[in-house]
Protein backbone atom coordinates (compact mmCIF):
# COMPACT_ATOMS: atom_id res chain seq x y z
CA MET A 1 -10.95 58.68 9.17
CA LYS A 2 -10.29 55.91 11.74
CA LYS A 3 -13.34 54.01 10.51
CA PHE A 4 -12.04 54.23 6.94
CA VAL A 5 -8.64 52.82 7.98
CA LYS A 6 -10.33 49.97 9.82
CA LEU A 7 -12.38 49.11 6.75
CA ILE A 8 -9.27 49.08 4.55
CA SER A 9 -7.46 46.81 7.06
CA LEU A 10 -10.38 44.40 7.19
CA ALA A 11 -10.54 44.19 3.39
CA MET A 12 -6.82 43.44 3.19
CA ALA A 13 -7.11 40.71 5.83
CA LEU A 14 -9.97 39.06 3.94
CA ALA A 15 -8.02 39.19 0.71
CA MET A 16 -4.99 37.56 2.33
CA ALA A 17 -7.12 34.79 3.83
CA THR A 18 -8.71 34.07 0.46
CA GLY A 19 -5.30 33.95 -1.18
CA LEU A 20 -3.94 31.47 1.37
CA THR A 21 -6.92 29.14 0.86
CA ALA A 22 -6.44 29.21 -2.91
CA CYS A 23 -2.78 28.18 -2.49
CA GLY A 24 -3.64 25.06 -0.49
CA GLY A 25 -3.29 26.69 2.89
CA ALA A 26 -6.65 25.40 4.10
CA SER A 27 -6.90 23.64 7.45
CA SER A 28 -6.29 19.89 7.58
CA GLY A 29 -10.00 19.26 7.97
CA SER A 30 -10.95 20.75 4.62
CA SER A 31 -11.80 18.62 1.59
CA SER A 32 -9.10 17.57 -0.87
CA GLY A 33 -11.24 15.06 -2.72
CA SER A 34 -10.06 15.90 -6.24
CA ALA A 35 -6.62 16.07 -7.77
CA ALA A 36 -5.06 19.43 -7.01
CA ALA A 37 -2.17 21.31 -8.54
CA SER A 38 0.94 20.87 -6.41
CA THR A 39 1.86 24.04 -4.53
CA SER A 40 4.03 24.88 -1.56
CA ALA A 41 4.03 27.30 1.35
CA PRO A 42 6.45 30.23 1.62
CA ALA A 43 10.05 29.56 2.65
CA ASP A 44 11.04 28.72 6.24
CA ASP A 45 9.33 31.07 8.67
CA GLY A 46 10.00 28.98 11.77
CA THR A 47 6.80 26.95 11.50
CA VAL A 48 6.96 23.36 12.82
CA TYR A 49 4.81 20.98 10.76
CA THR A 50 3.49 18.04 12.78
CA LEU A 51 1.79 15.44 10.58
CA SER A 52 0.33 11.93 10.88
CA TRP A 53 1.91 8.83 9.28
CA ALA A 54 -0.55 5.91 9.18
CA HIS A 55 -0.32 2.22 8.29
CA SER A 56 -1.98 -1.06 9.27
CA SER A 57 1.02 -3.16 10.31
CA SER A 58 2.07 -4.07 13.81
CA ALA A 59 3.71 -1.38 15.95
CA ASN A 60 6.65 -3.63 16.78
CA GLY A 61 8.77 -6.16 14.90
CA ASP A 62 7.35 -5.36 11.47
CA ARG A 63 9.24 -4.08 8.41
CA LEU A 64 6.75 -1.25 7.91
CA SER A 65 6.90 0.10 11.44
CA ASP A 66 10.68 -0.38 11.64
CA ALA A 67 11.35 1.44 8.36
CA SER A 68 8.82 4.15 9.23
CA THR A 69 10.45 4.82 12.59
CA GLN A 70 13.91 5.12 11.07
CA ILE A 71 12.85 7.49 8.29
CA ILE A 72 10.60 9.58 10.54
CA ASP A 73 13.57 10.15 12.87
CA GLU A 74 15.78 11.03 9.91
CA ILE A 75 13.24 13.51 8.53
CA LYS A 76 13.05 15.27 11.89
CA GLU A 77 16.83 15.47 12.14
CA LYS A 78 17.44 16.65 8.57
CA SER A 79 14.69 19.26 8.79
CA ASN A 80 16.13 20.58 12.07
CA GLY A 81 12.86 19.71 13.78
CA ARG A 82 10.69 21.60 11.29
CA LEU A 83 8.97 18.46 9.91
CA VAL A 84 7.74 15.97 12.49
CA PHE A 85 5.67 12.87 11.78
CA GLN A 86 3.70 10.99 14.41
CA GLN A 87 3.36 7.32 13.48
CA TYR A 88 -0.03 5.62 13.82
CA PRO A 89 0.47 1.86 13.22
CA ALA A 90 -1.92 -1.08 13.60
CA SER A 91 -4.88 0.61 11.85
CA GLN A 92 -5.16 3.29 14.55
CA MET A 93 -6.44 5.68 11.89
CA GLY A 94 -8.91 3.09 10.63
CA ALA A 95 -8.78 0.16 8.20
CA GLU A 96 -6.84 0.80 5.00
CA ARG A 97 -9.88 1.93 3.03
CA GLU A 98 -10.83 4.34 5.82
CA THR A 99 -7.24 5.57 6.00
CA LEU A 100 -7.23 6.33 2.27
CA GLU A 101 -10.53 8.13 2.64
CA GLY A 102 -8.91 10.19 5.39
CA VAL A 103 -6.08 11.10 3.03
CA THR A 104 -8.53 12.38 0.41
CA LEU A 105 -10.39 14.39 3.08
CA GLY A 106 -7.23 15.74 4.66
CA THR A 107 -7.80 14.09 8.05
CA VAL A 108 -4.86 11.71 7.51
CA ASP A 109 -1.65 13.36 6.32
CA LEU A 110 0.44 10.44 5.01
CA ALA A 111 -0.45 6.79 4.57
CA VAL A 112 1.29 3.60 3.49
CA VAL A 113 -1.33 1.11 2.27
CA SER A 114 -1.59 -2.02 0.16
CA THR A 115 -3.11 -1.77 -3.30
CA GLY A 116 -6.27 -3.76 -2.51
CA PRO A 117 -8.40 -0.88 -1.20
CA VAL A 118 -6.83 1.58 -3.66
CA ALA A 119 -9.07 0.16 -6.41
CA SER A 120 -12.11 1.75 -4.76
CA PHE A 121 -10.54 5.17 -5.37
CA PHE A 122 -8.45 4.45 -8.48
CA PRO A 123 -9.77 1.42 -10.43
CA GLN A 124 -6.82 1.38 -12.84
CA VAL A 125 -4.65 -0.15 -10.10
CA GLU A 126 -6.48 -3.43 -10.78
CA CYS A 127 -3.92 -4.23 -13.47
CA THR A 128 -1.24 -4.74 -10.79
CA SER A 129 -3.18 -7.72 -9.38
CA LEU A 130 -2.98 -9.89 -12.50
CA PRO A 131 -1.93 -13.26 -11.06
CA TYR A 132 1.31 -15.22 -11.47
CA LEU A 133 3.11 -12.53 -13.50
CA ILE A 134 5.62 -11.28 -10.92
CA THR A 135 7.13 -14.13 -8.92
CA ASP A 136 10.44 -12.45 -7.96
CA ARG A 137 10.36 -9.43 -5.65
CA GLU A 138 13.30 -7.73 -7.37
CA ALA A 139 11.36 -7.94 -10.62
CA GLY A 140 8.56 -6.18 -8.77
CA TRP A 141 10.96 -3.42 -7.73
CA LYS A 142 11.94 -2.90 -11.36
CA VAL A 143 8.31 -2.66 -12.43
CA TYR A 144 7.34 -0.05 -9.84
CA ASP A 145 10.56 1.97 -9.94
CA GLY A 146 10.43 2.01 -13.74
CA GLU A 147 8.36 3.99 -16.20
CA PHE A 148 5.20 1.93 -15.74
CA GLY A 149 5.14 2.20 -11.95
CA GLN A 150 5.94 5.89 -11.83
CA ASN A 151 3.32 6.72 -14.46
CA LEU A 152 0.72 4.65 -12.63
CA GLY A 153 1.52 6.39 -9.35
CA LYS A 154 1.17 9.80 -10.96
CA MET A 155 -2.13 8.74 -12.53
CA SER A 156 -3.42 7.72 -9.11
CA GLU A 157 -3.35 11.37 -8.04
CA SER A 158 -6.70 11.71 -9.81
CA ALA A 159 -8.13 10.04 -6.67
CA GLY A 160 -7.29 13.15 -4.65
CA TRP A 161 -3.87 12.63 -3.10
CA LYS A 162 -0.17 13.27 -3.69
CA PHE A 163 1.70 10.15 -4.84
CA LEU A 164 5.10 9.74 -3.15
CA GLY A 165 6.31 6.22 -3.92
CA TRP A 166 5.95 2.44 -3.96
CA ALA A 167 7.19 0.30 -1.07
CA GLU A 168 6.53 -3.44 -0.66
CA ASN A 169 3.74 -5.42 0.94
CA GLY A 170 5.08 -8.68 -0.43
CA LEU A 171 4.60 -11.79 -2.50
CA ARG A 172 1.14 -12.96 -1.52
CA MET A 173 0.82 -16.69 -0.76
CA VAL A 174 -2.03 -18.85 0.50
CA SER A 175 -1.90 -20.32 3.99
CA ASN A 176 -4.67 -22.17 5.80
CA THR A 177 -5.72 -24.09 8.88
CA LYS A 178 -7.13 -27.22 7.20
CA HIS A 179 -4.75 -29.10 4.89
CA GLU A 180 -1.83 -28.85 2.47
CA VAL A 181 -2.57 -27.15 -0.85
CA GLN A 182 -0.66 -28.64 -3.79
CA THR A 183 -3.08 -27.91 -6.65
CA PRO A 184 -6.24 -25.83 -7.16
CA ALA A 185 -8.28 -28.93 -6.35
CA ASP A 186 -7.07 -28.62 -2.75
CA MET A 187 -8.50 -25.09 -2.54
CA LYS A 188 -12.07 -26.29 -2.96
CA GLY A 189 -14.27 -25.28 -0.05
CA LEU A 190 -11.64 -23.23 1.80
CA LYS A 191 -12.81 -19.85 3.04
CA ILE A 192 -9.87 -17.58 2.28
CA ARG A 193 -9.74 -14.04 3.58
CA THR A 194 -8.95 -11.44 0.93
CA MET A 195 -8.79 -7.67 0.84
CA GLU A 196 -11.85 -5.76 -0.36
CA ASN A 197 -10.65 -6.07 -3.93
CA ASP A 198 -12.67 -7.64 -6.72
CA VAL A 199 -9.61 -9.00 -8.53
CA HIS A 200 -8.16 -10.67 -5.44
CA MET A 201 -11.55 -12.17 -4.69
CA LEU A 202 -11.87 -13.47 -8.26
CA ILE A 203 -8.45 -15.12 -8.06
CA MET A 204 -9.41 -17.06 -4.93
CA ASN A 205 -12.84 -17.99 -6.28
CA ASP A 206 -11.37 -19.19 -9.60
CA LEU A 207 -8.95 -21.38 -7.65
CA GLY A 208 -11.95 -23.08 -6.04
CA ALA A 209 -11.89 -21.33 -2.67
CA SER A 210 -14.56 -19.06 -1.23
CA ALA A 211 -13.14 -15.52 -1.10
CA THR A 212 -14.12 -13.74 2.11
CA PRO A 213 -13.22 -10.04 2.34
CA ILE A 214 -12.43 -9.04 5.92
CA ALA A 215 -10.65 -5.97 7.28
CA PHE A 216 -6.98 -6.66 7.97
CA SER A 217 -7.35 -5.58 11.60
CA GLU A 218 -9.97 -8.33 12.09
CA LEU A 219 -8.07 -11.15 10.37
CA TYR A 220 -6.34 -12.71 13.38
CA THR A 221 -9.64 -13.07 15.22
CA ALA A 222 -11.36 -14.41 12.09
CA LEU A 223 -8.72 -17.15 11.81
CA GLN A 224 -8.89 -17.88 15.51
CA GLN A 225 -12.67 -18.20 15.53
CA GLY A 226 -12.88 -20.14 12.26
CA THR A 227 -14.73 -17.41 10.39
CA VAL A 228 -12.18 -18.04 7.64
CA ASP A 229 -9.97 -21.07 6.99
CA GLY A 230 -7.01 -19.17 5.61
CA GLN A 231 -5.48 -15.99 4.27
CA GLU A 232 -3.14 -14.84 1.50
CA ASN A 233 -0.51 -12.47 2.82
CA GLY A 234 3.25 -12.48 2.43
CA ILE A 235 5.66 -14.39 4.62
CA ALA A 236 6.90 -11.51 6.78
CA LEU A 237 3.40 -10.19 7.47
CA THR A 238 2.11 -13.68 8.27
CA TYR A 239 4.78 -13.86 10.95
CA SER A 240 4.77 -10.31 12.33
CA MET A 241 0.97 -10.25 12.71
CA GLY A 242 0.96 -13.67 14.38
CA PHE A 243 -1.19 -15.34 11.71
CA TYR A 244 1.17 -18.33 11.75
CA GLU A 245 -0.14 -19.08 15.24
CA GLN A 246 -3.45 -20.02 13.61
CA VAL A 247 -2.62 -21.34 10.12
CA LYS A 248 -0.85 -24.68 9.75
CA TYR A 249 -0.06 -24.90 6.03
CA MET A 250 1.48 -22.47 3.54
CA THR A 251 1.87 -22.93 -0.21
CA LEU A 252 5.02 -21.21 -1.46
CA LEU A 253 3.62 -20.03 -4.78
CA PRO A 254 3.14 -16.24 -5.02
CA HIS A 255 -0.01 -15.33 -6.93
CA VAL A 256 0.43 -11.54 -6.68
CA TYR A 257 3.35 -9.23 -5.96
CA ASP A 258 1.70 -6.53 -3.88
CA PRO A 259 3.36 -3.14 -3.41
CA TYR A 260 2.50 -0.56 -0.79
CA ILE A 261 1.57 2.84 -2.16
CA VAL A 262 2.76 5.88 -0.20
CA VAL A 263 0.37 8.81 -0.54
CA MET A 264 -0.12 12.17 1.14
CA SER A 265 -3.11 14.45 1.46
CA ASN A 266 -3.02 17.43 -0.87
CA ASP A 267 -3.67 19.72 2.09
CA ALA A 268 -0.64 18.44 3.99
CA TRP A 269 1.63 18.46 0.93
CA ASN A 270 0.67 21.94 -0.22
CA LYS A 271 1.21 23.56 3.16
CA LEU A 272 4.87 22.43 3.28
CA PRO A 273 7.57 24.82 2.03
CA ALA A 274 9.39 23.73 -1.14
CA ASP A 275 12.55 22.71 0.74
CA LEU A 276 10.58 20.36 3.02
CA GLN A 277 8.70 18.93 0.04
CA GLU A 278 12.05 18.14 -1.59
CA LEU A 279 13.40 16.61 1.61
CA LEU A 280 10.27 14.48 2.04
CA GLN A 281 10.48 13.17 -1.54
CA GLU A 282 14.11 12.15 -0.96
CA GLU A 283 13.33 10.47 2.36
CA ILE A 284 10.30 8.59 1.02
CA ALA A 285 12.50 7.16 -1.76
CA LYS A 286 14.89 5.95 0.94
CA PHE A 287 11.98 4.63 3.00
CA CYS A 288 10.64 2.56 0.10
CA GLN A 289 13.94 0.79 -0.52
CA LEU A 290 14.69 0.38 3.20
CA GLU A 291 11.28 -1.20 3.81
CA ARG A 292 11.80 -3.53 0.84
CA ASP A 293 15.22 -4.60 2.06
CA ILE A 294 13.92 -5.27 5.57
CA ASN A 295 11.00 -7.25 4.13
CA LYS A 296 13.31 -9.37 1.99
CA SER A 297 15.52 -10.16 4.99
CA ASN A 298 12.49 -10.85 7.17
CA ASP A 299 11.00 -13.26 4.63
CA GLU A 300 14.10 -15.44 4.85
CA ALA A 301 14.37 -15.33 8.64
CA PHE A 302 10.66 -15.50 9.46
CA LEU A 303 9.90 -18.46 7.18
CA LYS A 304 12.39 -20.55 9.14
CA LYS A 305 10.93 -19.35 12.44
CA MET A 306 7.42 -20.31 11.34
CA GLU A 307 8.58 -23.71 10.12
CA ASP A 308 10.37 -24.27 13.42
CA ALA A 309 7.11 -23.38 15.16
CA GLY A 310 5.29 -26.09 13.19
CA LEU A 311 4.12 -24.44 9.97
CA LYS A 312 4.17 -26.93 7.10
CA THR A 313 5.23 -25.44 3.75
CA TYR A 314 4.86 -26.84 0.25
CA THR A 315 6.41 -25.66 -3.02
CA PRO A 316 4.39 -26.76 -6.07
CA THR A 317 6.15 -28.36 -9.03
CA ALA A 318 6.25 -26.53 -12.36
CA GLU A 319 3.34 -28.67 -13.56
CA GLN A 320 1.30 -27.91 -10.47
CA ALA A 321 2.10 -24.18 -10.70
CA GLN A 322 0.75 -24.18 -14.25
CA LEU A 323 -2.57 -25.54 -12.96
CA PHE A 324 -2.92 -22.46 -10.76
CA LYS A 325 -2.16 -20.19 -13.72
CA ASP A 326 -4.64 -21.99 -15.95
CA ALA A 327 -7.38 -21.80 -13.30
CA THR A 328 -7.07 -18.00 -13.12
CA ALA A 329 -6.72 -17.30 -16.85
CA ASN A 330 -9.99 -15.38 -17.05
CA VAL A 331 -8.88 -12.79 -14.48
CA GLU A 332 -7.13 -10.85 -17.24
CA ASP A 333 -10.40 -10.65 -19.21
CA LYS A 334 -12.18 -9.16 -16.19
CA VAL A 335 -9.47 -6.52 -15.66
CA ARG A 336 -9.47 -5.58 -19.36
CA ALA A 337 -13.24 -5.17 -19.22
CA ASP A 338 -12.91 -2.94 -16.15
CA ILE A 339 -10.07 -0.61 -17.15
CA GLY A 340 -9.33 -1.21 -20.84
CA ASP A 341 -6.38 -2.74 -22.66
CA GLU A 342 -3.69 -0.07 -22.52
CA LEU A 343 -2.63 -0.32 -18.86
CA VAL A 344 -3.04 -4.10 -18.84
CA ASP A 345 -0.72 -4.43 -21.85
CA GLN A 346 1.79 -2.03 -20.28
CA PHE A 347 1.81 -3.92 -16.98
CA ILE A 348 2.20 -7.32 -18.63
CA GLN A 349 5.07 -6.00 -20.76
CA ALA A 350 6.78 -4.38 -17.76
CA ALA A 351 6.38 -7.54 -15.66
CA ASN A 352 7.65 -9.85 -18.42
CA ASP A 353 10.65 -7.58 -19.09
CA ALA A 354 11.50 -7.38 -15.40
CA GLU A 355 11.19 -11.14 -14.84
CA ALA A 356 13.38 -11.79 -17.90
CA SER A 357 16.07 -9.39 -16.68
CA ILE A 358 16.16 -11.04 -13.27
CA SER A 359 16.46 -14.56 -14.72
CA LYS A 360 19.50 -13.69 -16.85
């Protein structure tokens, strides 16, 4: 009789274990490589969830780390210590592409990354890199907070993660160590570091430069050693990462408005109870706007600091700006060939509508 009871107990235990795995209760090391239905763990049972929060920006004095710290603290407080994030800045969890791979595998719980490496997992994001469409950051906010941005984020879940929101990397601008850039003719021969993104590389090549993809964590050294002549990040990031110590010239003409995407591993999301999932969604929305606001303020303050430190800036005339647009006209054809017309048309319409609303 005792043997029979033991057998029944063992069968029940195996059944429970199988059920937990099917509901997304697998360990953080298990694969989450495909899009999974969103589930949640049972209600509060006293479990403390300690998760990783990864990004590539500096640990100090950067909008991303500052906003992350504030929201991470708020999440811990509002969850009564049940949801705790440990922040891993400065590419501690790997370069952005490696970090995204970690999210799909479940070895990284939450990541904030620029859209460049996203294209390797979700090619449709290429449409957001069409050049010279979004030149005002608040227009960018409207695009990504609106129907287009939210639909695109949800579509990205096919890559194997949970989409949480869009923050801001910035308005990408070219800076270099060699000479002032007023027109595309001045780009000729410059080795410009780009992300590992075919569209970004095509933009720089079409402008006459030589696009050189290098991991973000290696960029400062590449500038210092002359491996590249320049880079194309936003103002705040150029300051906070110290790139202004190497570059001497910046052209104030944004070619791409680059958001950050906030994503979470399906394993990590599914193991949270519904109330913590709801809290996290609310706090990520606050994080996205906080990080944007800090970035906007930093752009204004940091540009002056860089100019005071010797950085020479140039703002192209309307006629000169048009030369840059004309030189990159074929980028749209490449993106349409890659992902089709529908998303490209939707992005262009959303960007044009947003820019028009801002200019009123």
